[in-house]
Amino acid sequence: MRDLEIRGAGNLLGTAQSGHITAVGFDLYCQLLKTAVARMKGEKPGRLVETKLQLDFLVWQENDADERTGMIERAGAFLPRAYLPESRWRMEGYRRIAEANSPEDLEKLRIEWRDRHGPWPPAVERLLLAAEIKIAAAEARIRAVETQEEKLMLQQGQDYMMVSGKFPRLTARDAISKLKEIISWVVSLRGSP
């Protein structure tokens, strides 16, 4: 943390980053680090959440988002500077979301943020819902959750899950409702082979 304060974040999340974080991604890197620390302390490590999200209606960076209307094609899912003005708070927030491996972890984070920073903007709600999708999908052994227009593609192992021989279709129009609909699909498919 002190190093980040002195030198700044640099390209920690950028494409020029070298080392292990590039190979596995920020989320998985944080989880692996948390697991290693837990093992060294003699604690039981939590389950890894390795589900890949590729949602065509979301952007993950603040400068790519257009938040003027709720009915936009690509909504933002990130921690805005206006909500968490200090970069160290945002980095800590992303780290805590990446390390969350249960709905309870996310709920603790929601309560803490509401208490410390007040009500969050829609971009934060979308980011937390996306994290909830990853956790629910990992519990259902779903490797990837993707959307293409209104088509929802859930990959379990090497196969895509179908309903009556077709990909499920999303009916919601706004991003938050789409995310909640995806959570419902994932939870409903938990018992599927």
N, C-alpha and C. Protein backbone atom coordinates (compact mmCIF):
# COMPACT_ATOMS: atom_id res chain seq x y z
N MET A 1 0.83 -1.17 0.00
CA MET A 1 0.00 0.00 0.00
C MET A 1 0.88 1.25 0.00
N ARG A 2 1.93 1.19 0.81
CA ARG A 2 2.84 2.34 0.89
C ARG A 2 3.52 2.56 -0.46
N ASP A 3 3.91 1.49 -1.12
CA ASP A 3 4.53 1.60 -2.43
C ASP A 3 3.56 2.25 -3.43
N LEU A 4 2.29 1.86 -3.36
CA LEU A 4 1.29 2.46 -4.24
C LEU A 4 1.15 3.96 -3.96
N GLU A 5 1.20 4.35 -2.69
CA GLU A 5 1.10 5.76 -2.34
C GLU A 5 2.29 6.55 -2.87
N ILE A 6 3.49 5.95 -2.80
CA ILE A 6 4.69 6.66 -3.23
C ILE A 6 4.77 6.74 -4.75
N ARG A 7 4.59 5.61 -5.43
CA ARG A 7 4.79 5.56 -6.89
C ARG A 7 3.51 5.67 -7.70
N GLY A 8 2.38 5.40 -7.08
CA GLY A 8 1.13 5.38 -7.83
C GLY A 8 0.87 3.98 -8.37
N ALA A 9 -0.34 3.78 -8.89
CA ALA A 9 -0.75 2.46 -9.35
C ALA A 9 -0.08 2.06 -10.65
N GLY A 10 0.36 3.03 -11.44
CA GLY A 10 1.01 2.70 -12.71
C GLY A 10 0.09 1.89 -13.60
N ASN A 11 0.63 0.83 -14.18
CA ASN A 11 -0.14 -0.02 -15.08
C ASN A 11 -0.56 -1.32 -14.42
N LEU A 12 -0.88 -1.27 -13.12
CA LEU A 12 -1.25 -2.48 -12.41
C LEU A 12 -2.36 -3.24 -13.12
N LEU A 13 -3.34 -2.51 -13.63
CA LEU A 13 -4.45 -3.15 -14.33
C LEU A 13 -4.36 -2.99 -15.84
N GLY A 14 -3.30 -2.39 -16.32
CA GLY A 14 -3.17 -2.15 -17.75
C GLY A 14 -2.58 -3.32 -18.51
N THR A 15 -2.54 -3.18 -19.83
CA THR A 15 -2.03 -4.26 -20.67
C THR A 15 -0.52 -4.38 -20.61
N ALA A 16 0.17 -3.33 -20.17
CA ALA A 16 1.63 -3.37 -20.12
C ALA A 16 2.15 -4.06 -18.87
N GLN A 17 1.28 -4.43 -17.95
CA GLN A 17 1.70 -5.07 -16.71
C GLN A 17 2.36 -6.41 -17.00
N SER A 18 3.44 -6.67 -16.31
CA SER A 18 4.10 -7.97 -16.48
C SER A 18 3.96 -8.77 -15.20
N GLY A 19 4.33 -10.02 -15.26
CA GLY A 19 4.29 -10.86 -14.07
C GLY A 19 3.02 -11.69 -13.99
N HIS A 20 2.76 -12.24 -12.79
CA HIS A 20 1.68 -13.20 -12.59
C HIS A 20 0.30 -12.60 -12.77
N ILE A 21 0.11 -11.32 -12.42
CA ILE A 21 -1.21 -10.72 -12.50
C ILE A 21 -1.74 -10.71 -13.94
N THR A 22 -0.85 -10.55 -14.91
CA THR A 22 -1.26 -10.56 -16.31
C THR A 22 -1.73 -11.95 -16.73
N ALA A 23 -1.05 -12.96 -16.26
CA ALA A 23 -1.36 -14.32 -16.67
C ALA A 23 -2.71 -14.80 -16.16
N VAL A 24 -3.09 -14.42 -14.93
CA VAL A 24 -4.32 -14.96 -14.35
C VAL A 24 -5.43 -13.94 -14.21
N GLY A 25 -5.16 -12.66 -14.36
CA GLY A 25 -6.18 -11.63 -14.18
C GLY A 25 -6.22 -11.14 -12.74
N PHE A 26 -6.69 -9.92 -12.57
CA PHE A 26 -6.68 -9.27 -11.26
C PHE A 26 -7.53 -10.03 -10.24
N ASP A 27 -8.75 -10.41 -10.61
CA ASP A 27 -9.66 -11.09 -9.68
C ASP A 27 -9.05 -12.39 -9.16
N LEU A 28 -8.62 -13.24 -10.07
CA LEU A 28 -8.06 -14.53 -9.67
C LEU A 28 -6.75 -14.34 -8.90
N TYR A 29 -5.94 -13.37 -9.32
CA TYR A 29 -4.68 -13.08 -8.62
C TYR A 29 -4.96 -12.73 -7.15
N CYS A 30 -5.96 -11.87 -6.91
CA CYS A 30 -6.31 -11.49 -5.53
C CYS A 30 -6.78 -12.72 -4.74
N GLN A 31 -7.56 -13.57 -5.37
CA GLN A 31 -8.05 -14.77 -4.69
C GLN A 31 -6.91 -15.73 -4.38
N LEU A 32 -6.01 -15.92 -5.32
CA LEU A 32 -4.86 -16.81 -5.10
C LEU A 32 -3.98 -16.29 -3.96
N LEU A 33 -3.79 -14.99 -3.94
CA LEU A 33 -2.99 -14.37 -2.89
C LEU A 33 -3.67 -14.56 -1.53
N LYS A 34 -4.98 -14.34 -1.47
CA LYS A 34 -5.74 -14.53 -0.23
C LYS A 34 -5.66 -15.99 0.24
N THR A 35 -5.77 -16.92 -0.69
CA THR A 35 -5.68 -18.35 -0.37
C THR A 35 -4.30 -18.70 0.18
N ALA A 36 -3.26 -18.19 -0.44
CA ALA A 36 -1.89 -18.47 0.02
C ALA A 36 -1.66 -17.92 1.42
N VAL A 37 -2.15 -16.71 1.68
CA VAL A 37 -2.00 -16.11 3.01
C VAL A 37 -2.77 -16.94 4.05
N ALA A 38 -3.98 -17.37 3.71
CA ALA A 38 -4.78 -18.19 4.63
C ALA A 38 -4.06 -19.50 4.96
N ARG A 39 -3.48 -20.14 3.94
CA ARG A 39 -2.73 -21.40 4.18
C ARG A 39 -1.53 -21.17 5.08
N MET A 40 -0.82 -20.07 4.85
CA MET A 40 0.35 -19.77 5.68
C MET A 40 -0.04 -19.51 7.13
N LYS A 41 -1.24 -18.99 7.34
CA LYS A 41 -1.73 -18.74 8.71
C LYS A 41 -2.33 -19.99 9.33
N GLY A 42 -2.41 -21.09 8.54
CA GLY A 42 -3.00 -22.32 9.03
C GLY A 42 -4.52 -22.31 8.99
N GLU A 43 -5.12 -21.36 8.27
CA GLU A 43 -6.57 -21.27 8.14
C GLU A 43 -7.03 -22.03 6.90
N LYS A 44 -8.30 -22.37 6.89
CA LYS A 44 -8.87 -23.04 5.72
C LYS A 44 -9.17 -21.98 4.66
N PRO A 45 -8.57 -22.11 3.47
CA PRO A 45 -8.82 -21.11 2.42
C PRO A 45 -10.22 -21.27 1.84
N GLY A 46 -10.77 -20.14 1.38
CA GLY A 46 -12.09 -20.16 0.74
C GLY A 46 -11.99 -20.74 -0.67
N ARG A 47 -13.14 -20.99 -1.24
CA ARG A 47 -13.21 -21.55 -2.60
C ARG A 47 -12.86 -20.45 -3.62
N LEU A 48 -12.15 -20.83 -4.68
CA LEU A 48 -11.81 -19.89 -5.74
C LEU A 48 -13.00 -19.67 -6.66
N VAL A 49 -13.19 -18.43 -7.07
CA VAL A 49 -14.25 -18.09 -8.02
C VAL A 49 -13.55 -17.76 -9.33
N GLU A 50 -13.61 -18.70 -10.28
CA GLU A 50 -12.87 -18.55 -11.52
C GLU A 50 -13.76 -18.32 -12.74
N THR A 51 -14.99 -17.97 -12.55
CA THR A 51 -15.93 -17.79 -13.66
C THR A 51 -15.58 -16.55 -14.46
N LYS A 52 -15.59 -16.69 -15.77
CA LYS A 52 -15.31 -15.57 -16.68
C LYS A 52 -16.62 -14.91 -17.05
N LEU A 53 -16.67 -13.58 -16.94
CA LEU A 53 -17.85 -12.81 -17.33
C LEU A 53 -17.55 -12.03 -18.60
N GLN A 54 -18.42 -12.16 -19.57
CA GLN A 54 -18.30 -11.40 -20.80
C GLN A 54 -19.71 -10.91 -21.14
N LEU A 55 -20.07 -9.75 -20.60
CA LEU A 55 -21.41 -9.22 -20.75
C LEU A 55 -21.36 -8.03 -21.69
N ASP A 56 -21.97 -8.17 -22.86
CA ASP A 56 -21.85 -7.15 -23.90
C ASP A 56 -22.59 -5.86 -23.59
N PHE A 57 -23.39 -5.82 -22.53
CA PHE A 57 -24.12 -4.60 -22.18
C PHE A 57 -23.44 -3.80 -21.08
N LEU A 58 -22.24 -4.25 -20.64
CA LEU A 58 -21.49 -3.55 -19.59
C LEU A 58 -20.11 -3.13 -20.07
N VAL A 59 -19.65 -2.01 -19.52
CA VAL A 59 -18.24 -1.61 -19.64
C VAL A 59 -17.67 -1.60 -18.24
N TRP A 60 -16.39 -1.89 -18.11
CA TRP A 60 -15.78 -2.09 -16.80
C TRP A 60 -14.90 -0.94 -16.36
N GLN A 61 -14.78 0.11 -17.20
CA GLN A 61 -13.93 1.25 -16.85
C GLN A 61 -14.74 2.53 -16.94
N GLU A 62 -14.47 3.43 -16.02
CA GLU A 62 -15.24 4.67 -15.93
C GLU A 62 -15.18 5.51 -17.20
N ASN A 63 -14.02 5.60 -17.83
CA ASN A 63 -13.89 6.44 -19.01
C ASN A 63 -14.58 5.85 -20.24
N ASP A 64 -15.04 4.59 -20.18
CA ASP A 64 -15.75 3.98 -21.30
C ASP A 64 -17.27 4.07 -21.14
N ALA A 65 -17.74 4.54 -19.97
CA ALA A 65 -19.18 4.51 -19.67
C ALA A 65 -19.88 5.79 -20.11
N ASP A 66 -21.15 5.64 -20.40
CA ASP A 66 -22.03 6.75 -20.72
C ASP A 66 -23.24 6.60 -19.81
N GLU A 67 -23.25 7.32 -18.71
CA GLU A 67 -24.28 7.14 -17.68
C GLU A 67 -25.43 8.13 -17.81
N ARG A 68 -25.63 8.76 -18.95
CA ARG A 68 -26.66 9.78 -19.07
C ARG A 68 -28.07 9.24 -18.97
N THR A 69 -28.28 8.01 -19.35
CA THR A 69 -29.61 7.43 -19.31
C THR A 69 -29.57 6.00 -18.81
N GLY A 70 -30.62 5.53 -18.19
CA GLY A 70 -30.67 4.17 -17.68
C GLY A 70 -30.88 3.14 -18.78
N MET A 71 -31.31 3.56 -19.95
CA MET A 71 -31.63 2.64 -21.04
C MET A 71 -30.55 2.71 -22.13
N ILE A 72 -29.30 2.65 -21.74
CA ILE A 72 -28.21 2.74 -22.70
C ILE A 72 -27.76 1.35 -23.11
N GLU A 73 -27.08 1.28 -24.24
CA GLU A 73 -26.63 -0.02 -24.74
C GLU A 73 -25.57 -0.63 -23.83
N ARG A 74 -24.61 0.16 -23.37
CA ARG A 74 -23.55 -0.37 -22.51
C ARG A 74 -23.45 0.50 -21.28
N ALA A 75 -23.80 -0.05 -20.15
CA ALA A 75 -23.76 0.67 -18.88
C ALA A 75 -22.45 0.35 -18.16
N GLY A 76 -22.07 1.22 -17.25
CA GLY A 76 -20.83 1.03 -16.51
C GLY A 76 -21.00 0.13 -15.29
N ALA A 77 -19.97 -0.65 -15.00
CA ALA A 77 -19.89 -1.48 -13.79
C ALA A 77 -18.49 -1.28 -13.22
N PHE A 78 -18.35 -0.31 -12.34
CA PHE A 78 -17.04 0.07 -11.80
C PHE A 78 -17.25 0.89 -10.54
N LEU A 79 -16.15 1.27 -9.90
CA LEU A 79 -16.18 2.15 -8.73
C LEU A 79 -15.84 3.57 -9.20
N PRO A 80 -16.84 4.44 -9.33
CA PRO A 80 -16.60 5.79 -9.86
C PRO A 80 -15.75 6.66 -8.94
N ARG A 81 -14.99 7.55 -9.55
CA ARG A 81 -14.18 8.51 -8.79
C ARG A 81 -15.06 9.40 -7.92
N ALA A 82 -16.24 9.72 -8.39
CA ALA A 82 -17.15 10.57 -7.62
C ALA A 82 -17.63 9.87 -6.34
N TYR A 83 -17.70 8.56 -6.35
CA TYR A 83 -18.14 7.81 -5.17
C TYR A 83 -16.99 7.50 -4.23
N LEU A 84 -15.87 7.03 -4.79
CA LEU A 84 -14.66 6.77 -4.00
C LEU A 84 -13.53 7.62 -4.60
N PRO A 85 -13.39 8.86 -4.13
CA PRO A 85 -12.45 9.79 -4.77
C PRO A 85 -10.97 9.40 -4.66
N GLU A 86 -10.60 8.70 -3.61
CA GLU A 86 -9.19 8.32 -3.43
C GLU A 86 -8.90 7.03 -4.18
N SER A 87 -7.83 7.03 -4.96
CA SER A 87 -7.49 5.84 -5.76
C SER A 87 -7.23 4.63 -4.86
N ARG A 88 -6.65 4.83 -3.68
CA ARG A 88 -6.39 3.69 -2.79
C ARG A 88 -7.69 3.06 -2.31
N TRP A 89 -8.76 3.87 -2.13
CA TRP A 89 -10.06 3.32 -1.73
C TRP A 89 -10.64 2.47 -2.86
N ARG A 90 -10.49 2.99 -4.10
CA ARG A 90 -11.00 2.22 -5.24
C ARG A 90 -10.23 0.92 -5.41
N MET A 91 -8.90 0.96 -5.30
CA MET A 91 -8.09 -0.26 -5.42
C MET A 91 -8.47 -1.26 -4.33
N GLU A 92 -8.65 -0.78 -3.12
CA GLU A 92 -9.06 -1.64 -2.01
C GLU A 92 -10.45 -2.23 -2.29
N GLY A 93 -11.34 -1.41 -2.85
CA GLY A 93 -12.68 -1.88 -3.18
C GLY A 93 -12.65 -2.98 -4.23
N TYR A 94 -11.88 -2.77 -5.29
CA TYR A 94 -11.76 -3.80 -6.33
C TYR A 94 -11.14 -5.08 -5.76
N ARG A 95 -10.15 -4.92 -4.88
CA ARG A 95 -9.52 -6.09 -4.28
C ARG A 95 -10.53 -6.86 -3.44
N ARG A 96 -11.31 -6.16 -2.65
CA ARG A 96 -12.29 -6.84 -1.78
C ARG A 96 -13.38 -7.53 -2.60
N ILE A 97 -13.80 -6.91 -3.69
CA ILE A 97 -14.78 -7.57 -4.57
C ILE A 97 -14.16 -8.82 -5.18
N ALA A 98 -12.90 -8.71 -5.63
CA ALA A 98 -12.22 -9.85 -6.25
C ALA A 98 -12.03 -10.99 -5.26
N GLU A 99 -11.83 -10.69 -3.99
CA GLU A 99 -11.61 -11.72 -2.98
C GLU A 99 -12.90 -12.32 -2.45
N ALA A 100 -14.04 -11.69 -2.73
CA ALA A 100 -15.32 -12.20 -2.23
C ALA A 100 -15.59 -13.57 -2.85
N ASN A 101 -15.93 -14.54 -2.01
CA ASN A 101 -16.24 -15.87 -2.54
C ASN A 101 -17.56 -16.41 -2.00
N SER A 102 -18.39 -15.50 -1.46
CA SER A 102 -19.72 -15.90 -1.01
C SER A 102 -20.64 -14.68 -1.06
N PRO A 103 -21.95 -14.92 -1.14
CA PRO A 103 -22.90 -13.79 -1.09
C PRO A 103 -22.77 -13.01 0.22
N GLU A 104 -22.40 -13.71 1.30
CA GLU A 104 -22.23 -13.04 2.59
C GLU A 104 -21.08 -12.03 2.54
N ASP A 105 -19.99 -12.38 1.85
CA ASP A 105 -18.87 -11.44 1.70
C ASP A 105 -19.33 -10.16 1.00
N LEU A 106 -20.13 -10.32 -0.05
CA LEU A 106 -20.63 -9.15 -0.78
C LEU A 106 -21.60 -8.34 0.07
N GLU A 107 -22.42 -9.01 0.85
CA GLU A 107 -23.39 -8.29 1.71
C GLU A 107 -22.65 -7.47 2.77
N LYS A 108 -21.58 -8.04 3.35
CA LYS A 108 -20.77 -7.28 4.32
C LYS A 108 -20.19 -6.03 3.66
N LEU A 109 -19.71 -6.19 2.44
CA LEU A 109 -19.15 -5.07 1.70
C LEU A 109 -20.22 -4.01 1.42
N ARG A 110 -21.41 -4.44 1.01
CA ARG A 110 -22.52 -3.51 0.75
C ARG A 110 -22.85 -2.69 2.01
N ILE A 111 -22.96 -3.37 3.14
CA ILE A 111 -23.29 -2.70 4.40
C ILE A 111 -22.20 -1.70 4.77
N GLU A 112 -20.95 -2.13 4.68
CA GLU A 112 -19.83 -1.25 5.02
C GLU A 112 -19.79 -0.02 4.13
N TRP A 113 -19.93 -0.20 2.82
CA TRP A 113 -19.87 0.93 1.90
C TRP A 113 -21.04 1.89 2.11
N ARG A 114 -22.23 1.34 2.35
CA ARG A 114 -23.39 2.20 2.58
C ARG A 114 -23.15 3.04 3.83
N ASP A 115 -22.56 2.41 4.86
CA ASP A 115 -22.29 3.11 6.11
C ASP A 115 -21.19 4.17 5.94
N ARG A 116 -20.12 3.82 5.25
CA ARG A 116 -18.97 4.74 5.11
C ARG A 116 -19.16 5.82 4.05
N HIS A 117 -19.75 5.43 2.91
CA HIS A 117 -19.77 6.33 1.76
C HIS A 117 -21.17 6.75 1.32
N GLY A 118 -22.20 6.21 1.97
CA GLY A 118 -23.58 6.55 1.61
C GLY A 118 -24.07 5.72 0.44
N PRO A 119 -25.25 6.05 -0.06
CA PRO A 119 -25.82 5.29 -1.18
C PRO A 119 -24.88 5.33 -2.39
N TRP A 120 -24.77 4.20 -3.06
CA TRP A 120 -23.86 4.14 -4.20
C TRP A 120 -24.60 4.39 -5.51
N PRO A 121 -23.86 4.83 -6.50
CA PRO A 121 -24.45 5.05 -7.83
C PRO A 121 -24.72 3.72 -8.54
N PRO A 122 -25.52 3.75 -9.62
CA PRO A 122 -25.84 2.52 -10.35
C PRO A 122 -24.61 1.73 -10.82
N ALA A 123 -23.51 2.39 -11.15
CA ALA A 123 -22.32 1.68 -11.62
C ALA A 123 -21.80 0.72 -10.54
N VAL A 124 -21.87 1.12 -9.28
CA VAL A 124 -21.41 0.27 -8.18
C VAL A 124 -22.38 -0.89 -8.00
N GLU A 125 -23.68 -0.61 -8.08
CA GLU A 125 -24.67 -1.69 -7.96
C GLU A 125 -24.46 -2.73 -9.05
N ARG A 126 -24.20 -2.28 -10.28
CA ARG A 126 -23.97 -3.22 -11.38
C ARG A 126 -22.70 -4.04 -11.14
N LEU A 127 -21.64 -3.42 -10.61
CA LEU A 127 -20.40 -4.13 -10.32
C LEU A 127 -20.64 -5.20 -9.25
N LEU A 128 -21.38 -4.87 -8.21
CA LEU A 128 -21.66 -5.83 -7.14
C LEU A 128 -22.56 -6.97 -7.65
N LEU A 129 -23.53 -6.66 -8.52
CA LEU A 129 -24.37 -7.71 -9.10
C LEU A 129 -23.54 -8.63 -10.00
N ALA A 130 -22.59 -8.05 -10.74
CA ALA A 130 -21.71 -8.87 -11.59
C ALA A 130 -20.88 -9.81 -10.72
N ALA A 131 -20.39 -9.32 -9.59
CA ALA A 131 -19.64 -10.18 -8.66
C ALA A 131 -20.54 -11.28 -8.11
N GLU A 132 -21.80 -10.95 -7.85
CA GLU A 132 -22.76 -11.94 -7.37
C GLU A 132 -22.98 -13.04 -8.42
N ILE A 133 -23.03 -12.65 -9.69
CA ILE A 133 -23.17 -13.63 -10.78
C ILE A 133 -21.98 -14.58 -10.77
N LYS A 134 -20.76 -14.03 -10.65
CA LYS A 134 -19.57 -14.88 -10.65
C LYS A 134 -19.59 -15.89 -9.51
N ILE A 135 -20.01 -15.45 -8.34
CA ILE A 135 -20.05 -16.35 -7.17
C ILE A 135 -21.10 -17.44 -7.37
N ALA A 136 -22.30 -17.04 -7.81
CA ALA A 136 -23.37 -18.04 -8.04
C ALA A 136 -22.98 -19.01 -9.14
N ALA A 137 -22.34 -18.50 -10.19
CA ALA A 137 -21.91 -19.37 -11.30
C ALA A 137 -20.83 -20.34 -10.83
N ALA A 138 -19.91 -19.90 -10.00
CA ALA A 138 -18.86 -20.79 -9.48
C ALA A 138 -19.49 -21.90 -8.65
N GLU A 139 -20.50 -21.57 -7.86
CA GLU A 139 -21.19 -22.60 -7.06
C GLU A 139 -21.86 -23.63 -7.97
N ALA A 140 -22.31 -23.19 -9.15
CA ALA A 140 -22.98 -24.09 -10.10
C ALA A 140 -21.99 -24.72 -11.08
N ARG A 141 -20.69 -24.50 -10.85
CA ARG A 141 -19.63 -25.03 -11.72
C ARG A 141 -19.77 -24.52 -13.16
N ILE A 142 -20.18 -23.26 -13.29
CA ILE A 142 -20.29 -22.63 -14.61
C ILE A 142 -19.00 -21.86 -14.85
N ARG A 143 -18.29 -22.20 -15.91
CA ARG A 143 -16.98 -21.60 -16.22
C ARG A 143 -17.07 -20.21 -16.80
N ALA A 144 -18.11 -19.97 -17.61
CA ALA A 144 -18.22 -18.68 -18.30
C ALA A 144 -19.68 -18.27 -18.40
N VAL A 145 -19.91 -16.97 -18.23
CA VAL A 145 -21.22 -16.37 -18.42
C VAL A 145 -21.04 -15.28 -19.46
N GLU A 146 -21.70 -15.45 -20.59
CA GLU A 146 -21.56 -14.50 -21.69
C GLU A 146 -22.93 -14.07 -22.18
N THR A 147 -22.99 -12.84 -22.72
CA THR A 147 -24.20 -12.39 -23.39
C THR A 147 -23.82 -11.87 -24.77
N GLN A 148 -24.68 -12.15 -25.72
CA GLN A 148 -24.60 -11.58 -27.06
C GLN A 148 -25.99 -11.09 -27.38
N GLU A 149 -26.14 -9.78 -27.38
CA GLU A 149 -27.45 -9.14 -27.50
C GLU A 149 -28.34 -9.69 -26.38
N GLU A 150 -29.41 -10.38 -26.68
CA GLU A 150 -30.30 -10.88 -25.62
C GLU A 150 -30.03 -12.35 -25.29
N LYS A 151 -29.06 -12.96 -25.94
CA LYS A 151 -28.75 -14.38 -25.74
C LYS A 151 -27.81 -14.56 -24.55
N LEU A 152 -28.18 -15.47 -23.63
CA LEU A 152 -27.38 -15.79 -22.46
C LEU A 152 -26.71 -17.13 -22.68
N MET A 153 -25.37 -17.15 -22.62
CA MET A 153 -24.61 -18.38 -22.84
C MET A 153 -23.85 -18.73 -21.56
N LEU A 154 -24.20 -19.87 -21.00
CA LEU A 154 -23.57 -20.36 -19.77
C LEU A 154 -22.78 -21.61 -20.11
N GLN A 155 -21.47 -21.56 -19.86
CA GLN A 155 -20.61 -22.69 -20.20
C GLN A 155 -20.25 -23.48 -18.95
N GLN A 156 -20.58 -24.76 -18.98
CA GLN A 156 -20.24 -25.67 -17.89
C GLN A 156 -19.33 -26.74 -18.48
N GLY A 157 -18.09 -26.81 -18.01
CA GLY A 157 -17.11 -27.69 -18.65
C GLY A 157 -16.83 -27.15 -20.04
N GLN A 158 -16.92 -28.00 -21.04
CA GLN A 158 -16.72 -27.56 -22.42
C GLN A 158 -18.04 -27.28 -23.14
N ASP A 159 -19.15 -27.57 -22.48
CA ASP A 159 -20.46 -27.46 -23.12
C ASP A 159 -21.22 -26.23 -22.65
N TYR A 160 -22.05 -25.72 -23.56
CA TYR A 160 -22.95 -24.63 -23.20
C TYR A 160 -24.26 -25.22 -22.72
N MET A 161 -24.84 -24.60 -21.72
CA MET A 161 -26.11 -25.07 -21.17
C MET A 161 -27.24 -24.49 -22.02
N MET A 162 -28.17 -25.35 -22.37
CA MET A 162 -29.30 -24.95 -23.20
C MET A 162 -30.60 -25.27 -22.46
N VAL A 163 -31.64 -24.57 -22.83
CA VAL A 163 -32.98 -24.84 -22.33
C VAL A 163 -33.83 -25.17 -23.54
N SER A 164 -34.32 -26.41 -23.61
CA SER A 164 -35.09 -26.90 -24.76
C SER A 164 -34.31 -26.72 -26.06
N GLY A 165 -33.00 -26.97 -26.00
CA GLY A 165 -32.16 -26.91 -27.19
C GLY A 165 -31.77 -25.51 -27.64
N LYS A 166 -32.08 -24.48 -26.82
CA LYS A 166 -31.78 -23.10 -27.20
C LYS A 166 -31.10 -22.39 -26.03
N PHE A 167 -30.37 -21.32 -26.38
CA PHE A 167 -29.80 -20.47 -25.34
C PHE A 167 -30.94 -19.68 -24.70
N PRO A 168 -30.89 -19.51 -23.37
CA PRO A 168 -31.90 -18.67 -22.72
C PRO A 168 -31.83 -17.24 -23.27
N ARG A 169 -32.94 -16.55 -23.28
CA ARG A 169 -33.01 -15.15 -23.75
C ARG A 169 -33.31 -14.23 -22.58
N LEU A 170 -32.61 -13.11 -22.55
CA LEU A 170 -32.87 -12.10 -21.53
C LEU A 170 -34.03 -11.22 -21.99
N THR A 171 -34.94 -10.93 -21.09
CA THR A 171 -36.10 -10.11 -21.44
C THR A 171 -36.00 -8.70 -20.87
N ALA A 172 -35.16 -8.49 -19.86
CA ALA A 172 -35.02 -7.19 -19.22
C ALA A 172 -34.38 -6.19 -20.17
N ARG A 173 -34.67 -4.91 -19.96
CA ARG A 173 -34.14 -3.86 -20.84
C ARG A 173 -32.96 -3.11 -20.22
N ASP A 174 -33.03 -2.79 -18.91
CA ASP A 174 -31.94 -2.03 -18.30
C ASP A 174 -30.90 -2.98 -17.72
N ALA A 175 -29.70 -2.48 -17.52
CA ALA A 175 -28.56 -3.31 -17.12
C ALA A 175 -28.76 -3.98 -15.76
N ILE A 176 -29.26 -3.25 -14.77
CA ILE A 176 -29.43 -3.84 -13.44
C ILE A 176 -30.44 -4.98 -13.50
N SER A 177 -31.54 -4.78 -14.22
CA SER A 177 -32.54 -5.86 -14.35
C SER A 177 -31.98 -7.05 -15.12
N LYS A 178 -31.13 -6.78 -16.12
CA LYS A 178 -30.49 -7.89 -16.86
C LYS A 178 -29.59 -8.70 -15.93
N LEU A 179 -28.82 -8.01 -15.10
CA LEU A 179 -27.93 -8.70 -14.16
C LEU A 179 -28.72 -9.56 -13.18
N LYS A 180 -29.82 -9.03 -12.67
CA LYS A 180 -30.67 -9.80 -11.75
C LYS A 180 -31.29 -10.99 -12.47
N GLU A 181 -31.65 -10.82 -13.73
CA GLU A 181 -32.20 -11.93 -14.51
C GLU A 181 -31.15 -13.02 -14.72
N ILE A 182 -29.91 -12.62 -14.98
CA ILE A 182 -28.83 -13.60 -15.15
C ILE A 182 -28.62 -14.37 -13.85
N ILE A 183 -28.64 -13.67 -12.71
CA ILE A 183 -28.50 -14.35 -11.41
C ILE A 183 -29.61 -15.39 -11.26
N SER A 184 -30.83 -15.03 -11.62
CA SER A 184 -31.96 -15.98 -11.52
C SER A 184 -31.73 -17.21 -12.38
N TRP A 185 -31.24 -17.01 -13.61
CA TRP A 185 -30.95 -18.14 -14.49
C TRP A 185 -29.88 -19.04 -13.89
N VAL A 186 -28.81 -18.43 -13.42
CA VAL A 186 -27.70 -19.22 -12.87
C VAL A 186 -28.16 -20.02 -11.66
N VAL A 187 -28.90 -19.38 -10.76
CA VAL A 187 -29.40 -20.07 -9.56
C VAL A 187 -30.35 -21.20 -9.96
N SER A 188 -31.20 -20.97 -10.95
CA SER A 188 -32.16 -22.01 -11.37
C SER A 188 -31.48 -23.21 -12.02
N LEU A 189 -30.29 -23.00 -12.56
CA LEU A 189 -29.56 -24.08 -13.26
C LEU A 189 -28.54 -24.78 -12.36
N ARG A 190 -28.48 -24.40 -11.10
CA ARG A 190 -27.49 -25.00 -10.18
C ARG A 190 -27.53 -26.52 -10.14
N GLY A 191 -28.70 -27.09 -10.15
CA GLY A 191 -28.81 -28.54 -10.04
C GLY A 191 -28.63 -29.26 -11.35
N SER A 192 -28.44 -28.53 -12.46
CA SER A 192 -28.29 -29.17 -13.77
C SER A 192 -26.98 -29.92 -13.88
N PRO A 193 -26.94 -31.00 -14.67
CA PRO A 193 -25.70 -31.77 -14.82
C PRO A 193 -24.65 -30.99 -15.58
